N, C-alpha and C. Protein backbone atom coordinates (compact mmCIF):
# COMPACT_ATOMS: atom_id res chain seq x y z
N MET A 1 -56.04 -28.19 2.08
CA MET A 1 -55.70 -28.22 0.66
C MET A 1 -55.64 -26.80 0.13
N SER A 2 -54.80 -26.60 -0.83
CA SER A 2 -54.66 -25.29 -1.46
C SER A 2 -55.88 -25.00 -2.33
N THR A 3 -56.31 -23.74 -2.32
CA THR A 3 -57.48 -23.38 -3.12
C THR A 3 -57.08 -22.82 -4.49
N ARG A 4 -55.78 -22.67 -4.72
CA ARG A 4 -55.33 -22.07 -5.97
C ARG A 4 -55.49 -23.01 -7.16
N PHE A 5 -55.13 -24.26 -6.98
CA PHE A 5 -55.23 -25.24 -8.06
C PHE A 5 -56.14 -26.38 -7.65
N LYS A 6 -56.84 -26.95 -8.63
CA LYS A 6 -57.68 -28.12 -8.36
C LYS A 6 -56.76 -29.33 -8.21
N PRO A 7 -56.86 -30.06 -7.09
CA PRO A 7 -55.97 -31.20 -6.90
C PRO A 7 -56.29 -32.34 -7.86
N LYS A 8 -55.25 -33.10 -8.24
CA LYS A 8 -55.41 -34.25 -9.12
C LYS A 8 -55.06 -35.49 -8.33
N PHE A 9 -55.99 -36.44 -8.27
CA PHE A 9 -55.75 -37.68 -7.56
C PHE A 9 -55.85 -38.84 -8.53
N ASN A 10 -55.12 -39.92 -8.22
CA ASN A 10 -55.11 -41.10 -9.08
C ASN A 10 -56.23 -42.07 -8.75
N ILE A 11 -57.04 -41.75 -7.74
CA ILE A 11 -58.13 -42.62 -7.33
C ILE A 11 -59.45 -41.99 -7.74
N LYS A 12 -60.35 -42.79 -8.30
CA LYS A 12 -61.65 -42.31 -8.75
C LYS A 12 -62.75 -43.12 -8.07
N LYS A 13 -63.98 -42.60 -8.18
CA LYS A 13 -65.15 -43.29 -7.63
C LYS A 13 -65.33 -44.63 -8.33
N GLY A 14 -65.55 -45.68 -7.57
CA GLY A 14 -65.74 -47.02 -8.14
C GLY A 14 -64.48 -47.86 -8.18
N ASP A 15 -63.31 -47.28 -7.91
CA ASP A 15 -62.06 -48.04 -7.90
C ASP A 15 -62.01 -48.97 -6.69
N THR A 16 -61.18 -50.00 -6.79
CA THR A 16 -60.93 -50.84 -5.63
C THR A 16 -59.60 -50.41 -5.02
N VAL A 17 -59.62 -50.19 -3.71
CA VAL A 17 -58.44 -49.71 -3.01
C VAL A 17 -58.22 -50.55 -1.75
N VAL A 18 -57.03 -50.42 -1.17
CA VAL A 18 -56.73 -51.00 0.14
C VAL A 18 -56.32 -49.88 1.07
N VAL A 19 -56.67 -50.02 2.35
CA VAL A 19 -56.30 -49.03 3.36
C VAL A 19 -54.91 -49.39 3.85
N ILE A 20 -53.94 -48.46 3.67
CA ILE A 20 -52.54 -48.76 4.00
C ILE A 20 -52.12 -48.20 5.36
N SER A 21 -52.95 -47.34 5.98
CA SER A 21 -52.61 -46.84 7.30
C SER A 21 -53.88 -46.42 8.03
N GLY A 22 -53.78 -46.35 9.34
CA GLY A 22 -54.92 -45.95 10.15
C GLY A 22 -55.53 -47.12 10.88
N GLU A 23 -56.66 -46.88 11.52
CA GLU A 23 -57.32 -47.87 12.36
C GLU A 23 -57.81 -49.08 11.55
N ASP A 24 -58.28 -48.85 10.33
CA ASP A 24 -58.82 -49.92 9.49
C ASP A 24 -57.81 -50.47 8.50
N LYS A 25 -56.52 -50.41 8.84
CA LYS A 25 -55.46 -50.86 7.93
C LYS A 25 -55.62 -52.35 7.62
N ASP A 26 -55.71 -52.66 6.34
CA ASP A 26 -55.77 -54.05 5.88
C ASP A 26 -55.27 -54.07 4.44
N VAL A 27 -54.02 -54.43 4.26
CA VAL A 27 -53.37 -54.35 2.95
C VAL A 27 -53.81 -55.48 2.02
N LYS A 28 -54.46 -56.52 2.56
CA LYS A 28 -54.86 -57.66 1.74
C LYS A 28 -56.34 -57.66 1.37
N LYS A 29 -57.13 -56.72 1.90
CA LYS A 29 -58.57 -56.73 1.63
C LYS A 29 -58.96 -55.53 0.78
N PRO A 30 -59.20 -55.74 -0.53
CA PRO A 30 -59.62 -54.63 -1.38
C PRO A 30 -61.06 -54.21 -1.10
N ARG A 31 -61.29 -52.89 -1.14
CA ARG A 31 -62.62 -52.33 -0.89
C ARG A 31 -62.95 -51.32 -1.99
N LYS A 32 -64.23 -50.97 -2.10
CA LYS A 32 -64.70 -50.09 -3.17
C LYS A 32 -64.78 -48.64 -2.69
N VAL A 33 -64.39 -47.70 -3.56
CA VAL A 33 -64.49 -46.27 -3.26
C VAL A 33 -65.92 -45.81 -3.57
N LEU A 34 -66.57 -45.20 -2.58
CA LEU A 34 -67.94 -44.74 -2.75
C LEU A 34 -68.00 -43.29 -3.22
N GLU A 35 -67.05 -42.45 -2.75
CA GLU A 35 -67.09 -41.03 -3.07
C GLU A 35 -65.72 -40.41 -2.85
N ILE A 36 -65.40 -39.39 -3.66
CA ILE A 36 -64.17 -38.62 -3.51
C ILE A 36 -64.56 -37.20 -3.13
N ILE A 37 -63.95 -36.65 -2.09
CA ILE A 37 -64.20 -35.27 -1.68
C ILE A 37 -62.94 -34.48 -2.03
N LEU A 38 -62.95 -33.86 -3.22
CA LEU A 38 -61.76 -33.20 -3.77
C LEU A 38 -61.25 -32.06 -2.91
N GLU A 39 -62.17 -31.17 -2.48
CA GLU A 39 -61.74 -29.96 -1.79
C GLU A 39 -61.12 -30.25 -0.42
N LYS A 40 -61.43 -31.39 0.17
CA LYS A 40 -60.85 -31.75 1.47
C LYS A 40 -59.75 -32.80 1.35
N GLY A 41 -59.60 -33.40 0.17
CA GLY A 41 -58.59 -34.44 -0.01
C GLY A 41 -58.93 -35.72 0.74
N LYS A 42 -60.22 -36.05 0.76
CA LYS A 42 -60.67 -37.24 1.49
C LYS A 42 -61.42 -38.18 0.56
N VAL A 43 -61.56 -39.40 1.02
CA VAL A 43 -62.22 -40.45 0.23
C VAL A 43 -63.13 -41.26 1.16
N LEU A 44 -64.28 -41.66 0.63
CA LEU A 44 -65.24 -42.48 1.38
C LEU A 44 -65.13 -43.90 0.86
N VAL A 45 -64.70 -44.83 1.73
CA VAL A 45 -64.45 -46.21 1.33
C VAL A 45 -65.45 -47.12 2.03
N GLU A 46 -65.95 -48.10 1.30
CA GLU A 46 -66.96 -49.03 1.79
C GLU A 46 -66.44 -49.84 2.98
N GLY A 47 -67.13 -49.74 4.12
CA GLY A 47 -66.79 -50.53 5.30
C GLY A 47 -65.60 -50.05 6.10
N VAL A 48 -65.14 -48.82 5.84
CA VAL A 48 -63.97 -48.28 6.54
C VAL A 48 -64.39 -47.04 7.34
N ASN A 49 -63.82 -46.87 8.53
CA ASN A 49 -64.07 -45.72 9.41
C ASN A 49 -65.56 -45.60 9.73
N ILE A 50 -66.13 -46.66 10.27
CA ILE A 50 -67.55 -46.69 10.63
C ILE A 50 -67.75 -45.86 11.90
N VAL A 51 -68.68 -44.91 11.84
CA VAL A 51 -69.00 -44.07 12.99
C VAL A 51 -70.49 -44.21 13.30
N THR A 52 -70.86 -43.95 14.55
CA THR A 52 -72.26 -43.97 14.93
C THR A 52 -72.80 -42.56 14.91
N LYS A 53 -73.94 -42.37 14.27
CA LYS A 53 -74.56 -41.07 14.15
C LYS A 53 -75.95 -41.13 14.77
N HIS A 54 -76.25 -40.19 15.65
CA HIS A 54 -77.56 -40.13 16.29
C HIS A 54 -78.46 -39.25 15.44
N THR A 55 -79.60 -39.80 14.99
CA THR A 55 -80.50 -39.06 14.11
C THR A 55 -81.84 -38.84 14.79
N LYS A 56 -82.39 -37.68 14.54
CA LYS A 56 -83.73 -37.35 15.06
C LYS A 56 -84.78 -37.91 14.10
N PRO A 57 -85.97 -38.19 14.60
CA PRO A 57 -87.04 -38.62 13.69
C PRO A 57 -87.43 -37.50 12.73
N THR A 58 -87.55 -37.84 11.44
CA THR A 58 -87.97 -36.88 10.42
C THR A 58 -89.11 -37.49 9.62
N SER A 59 -89.57 -36.77 8.62
CA SER A 59 -90.65 -37.30 7.79
C SER A 59 -90.18 -38.50 6.96
N GLN A 60 -88.90 -38.51 6.53
CA GLN A 60 -88.38 -39.65 5.77
C GLN A 60 -88.05 -40.81 6.71
N ASN A 61 -87.41 -40.50 7.85
CA ASN A 61 -87.00 -41.52 8.82
C ASN A 61 -87.82 -41.30 10.09
N THR A 62 -88.95 -41.98 10.20
CA THR A 62 -89.85 -41.74 11.32
C THR A 62 -89.32 -42.31 12.64
N LYS A 63 -88.45 -43.30 12.58
CA LYS A 63 -87.92 -43.91 13.79
C LYS A 63 -86.84 -43.06 14.45
N GLY A 64 -85.82 -42.62 13.65
CA GLY A 64 -84.66 -41.95 14.24
C GLY A 64 -83.76 -42.99 14.86
N GLY A 65 -82.95 -42.59 15.84
CA GLY A 65 -82.10 -43.53 16.56
C GLY A 65 -80.65 -43.45 16.14
N ILE A 66 -79.91 -44.53 16.41
CA ILE A 66 -78.47 -44.57 16.14
C ILE A 66 -78.24 -45.30 14.82
N VAL A 67 -77.48 -44.66 13.92
CA VAL A 67 -77.18 -45.20 12.60
C VAL A 67 -75.67 -45.32 12.45
N LYS A 68 -75.20 -46.44 11.90
CA LYS A 68 -73.76 -46.61 11.63
C LYS A 68 -73.50 -46.29 10.16
N ILE A 69 -72.60 -45.31 9.92
CA ILE A 69 -72.26 -44.90 8.55
C ILE A 69 -70.75 -44.81 8.40
N GLU A 70 -70.31 -44.79 7.13
CA GLU A 70 -68.88 -44.62 6.84
C GLU A 70 -68.53 -43.15 6.88
N ALA A 71 -67.38 -42.82 7.45
CA ALA A 71 -66.87 -41.45 7.47
C ALA A 71 -65.67 -41.38 6.54
N PRO A 72 -65.39 -40.19 5.98
CA PRO A 72 -64.26 -40.07 5.06
C PRO A 72 -62.91 -40.24 5.75
N ILE A 73 -61.93 -40.76 5.00
CA ILE A 73 -60.55 -40.84 5.48
C ILE A 73 -59.66 -40.11 4.48
N ALA A 74 -58.46 -39.78 4.89
CA ALA A 74 -57.53 -39.06 4.02
C ALA A 74 -57.17 -39.92 2.81
N ILE A 75 -57.07 -39.28 1.66
CA ILE A 75 -56.80 -40.02 0.42
C ILE A 75 -55.39 -40.61 0.41
N SER A 76 -54.50 -40.07 1.25
CA SER A 76 -53.14 -40.59 1.35
C SER A 76 -53.09 -41.92 2.09
N ASN A 77 -54.18 -42.28 2.79
CA ASN A 77 -54.22 -43.53 3.55
C ASN A 77 -54.71 -44.71 2.72
N VAL A 78 -55.04 -44.49 1.45
CA VAL A 78 -55.49 -45.58 0.59
C VAL A 78 -54.56 -45.70 -0.62
N MET A 79 -54.50 -46.92 -1.16
CA MET A 79 -53.67 -47.19 -2.33
C MET A 79 -54.47 -48.05 -3.29
N LEU A 80 -54.32 -47.82 -4.56
CA LEU A 80 -55.08 -48.54 -5.58
C LEU A 80 -54.71 -50.02 -5.57
N TRP A 81 -55.71 -50.88 -5.74
CA TRP A 81 -55.52 -52.34 -5.76
C TRP A 81 -55.36 -52.81 -7.19
N ASP A 82 -54.30 -53.56 -7.46
CA ASP A 82 -54.06 -54.14 -8.77
C ASP A 82 -54.53 -55.59 -8.75
N ALA A 83 -55.63 -55.87 -9.44
CA ALA A 83 -56.22 -57.21 -9.42
C ALA A 83 -55.31 -58.24 -10.07
N LYS A 84 -54.60 -57.85 -11.12
CA LYS A 84 -53.74 -58.80 -11.83
C LYS A 84 -52.55 -59.22 -10.96
N ALA A 85 -51.94 -58.24 -10.30
CA ALA A 85 -50.79 -58.54 -9.44
C ALA A 85 -51.24 -59.05 -8.07
N GLY A 86 -52.46 -58.71 -7.67
CA GLY A 86 -52.97 -59.12 -6.37
C GLY A 86 -52.31 -58.37 -5.23
N ALA A 87 -51.97 -57.11 -5.48
CA ALA A 87 -51.28 -56.29 -4.48
C ALA A 87 -51.58 -54.82 -4.72
N PRO A 88 -51.34 -53.97 -3.72
CA PRO A 88 -51.49 -52.52 -3.93
C PRO A 88 -50.43 -52.02 -4.90
N THR A 89 -50.79 -50.98 -5.66
CA THR A 89 -49.86 -50.48 -6.68
C THR A 89 -49.92 -48.97 -6.78
N LYS A 90 -48.83 -48.41 -7.29
CA LYS A 90 -48.81 -46.99 -7.60
C LYS A 90 -49.39 -46.80 -9.00
N VAL A 91 -49.67 -45.54 -9.37
CA VAL A 91 -50.32 -45.27 -10.65
C VAL A 91 -49.45 -44.35 -11.48
N LYS A 92 -49.39 -44.66 -12.78
CA LYS A 92 -48.67 -43.82 -13.74
C LYS A 92 -49.69 -43.31 -14.75
N ARG A 93 -49.60 -42.04 -15.13
CA ARG A 93 -50.51 -41.47 -16.12
C ARG A 93 -49.77 -41.28 -17.44
N THR A 94 -50.38 -41.76 -18.53
CA THR A 94 -49.80 -41.56 -19.86
C THR A 94 -50.91 -41.23 -20.84
N ARG A 95 -50.54 -40.69 -21.97
CA ARG A 95 -51.51 -40.37 -23.01
C ARG A 95 -51.52 -41.46 -24.07
N GLU A 96 -52.72 -41.94 -24.38
CA GLU A 96 -52.91 -42.92 -25.46
C GLU A 96 -54.02 -42.40 -26.36
N ASN A 97 -53.70 -42.14 -27.59
CA ASN A 97 -54.65 -41.61 -28.58
C ASN A 97 -55.28 -40.31 -28.11
N GLY A 98 -54.50 -39.46 -27.46
CA GLY A 98 -55.00 -38.16 -26.99
C GLY A 98 -55.77 -38.23 -25.68
N LYS A 99 -55.98 -39.42 -25.14
CA LYS A 99 -56.70 -39.59 -23.87
C LYS A 99 -55.70 -39.88 -22.76
N LEU A 100 -55.95 -39.32 -21.58
CA LEU A 100 -55.12 -39.59 -20.42
C LEU A 100 -55.60 -40.88 -19.76
N VAL A 101 -54.72 -41.88 -19.64
CA VAL A 101 -55.09 -43.15 -19.04
C VAL A 101 -54.21 -43.43 -17.83
N ARG A 102 -54.79 -44.19 -16.89
CA ARG A 102 -54.06 -44.58 -15.69
C ARG A 102 -53.53 -46.00 -15.89
N ILE A 103 -52.26 -46.21 -15.56
CA ILE A 103 -51.62 -47.51 -15.72
C ILE A 103 -51.05 -47.94 -14.37
N ALA A 104 -51.34 -49.19 -13.97
CA ALA A 104 -50.79 -49.74 -12.73
C ALA A 104 -49.31 -50.02 -12.93
N LYS A 105 -48.47 -49.55 -12.01
CA LYS A 105 -47.03 -49.71 -12.17
C LYS A 105 -46.58 -51.16 -11.95
N LYS A 106 -47.29 -51.92 -11.12
CA LYS A 106 -46.87 -53.30 -10.84
C LYS A 106 -47.07 -54.22 -12.03
N SER A 107 -48.26 -54.16 -12.65
CA SER A 107 -48.56 -55.09 -13.74
C SER A 107 -48.51 -54.46 -15.12
N GLY A 108 -48.58 -53.13 -15.19
CA GLY A 108 -48.59 -52.46 -16.49
C GLY A 108 -49.96 -52.42 -17.14
N GLU A 109 -51.00 -52.88 -16.43
CA GLU A 109 -52.38 -52.90 -16.95
C GLU A 109 -52.99 -51.52 -16.92
N VAL A 110 -53.87 -51.23 -17.89
CA VAL A 110 -54.62 -49.99 -17.92
C VAL A 110 -55.79 -50.13 -16.94
N ILE A 111 -55.94 -49.12 -16.08
CA ILE A 111 -57.02 -49.13 -15.09
C ILE A 111 -58.26 -48.54 -15.71
N LYS A 112 -59.36 -49.26 -15.68
CA LYS A 112 -60.61 -48.79 -16.27
C LYS A 112 -61.30 -47.82 -15.35
């Protein structure tokens, strides 16, 4: 990603998205966004890109062992889910009362 300008993405933390490409591709199963990593252009999605991580025993985790966690995927591999239309949708940004709002292109609904 370029370091000159801060990137603007149409997906935010807490949105429901579908994975449109990659190993976990499932266009009919909406999932929740857990975290956005702006500087890398990646997104952490619930139940997608599960990796195994080997952890050493620490004071917080006395057992250690193998842990399965979600790894980030590219933000271009996910698309916002439109609940009203029941399908993935693109996003349009418009100003309403001086506030920038996101609108789903398929249904025309304002995304909260």
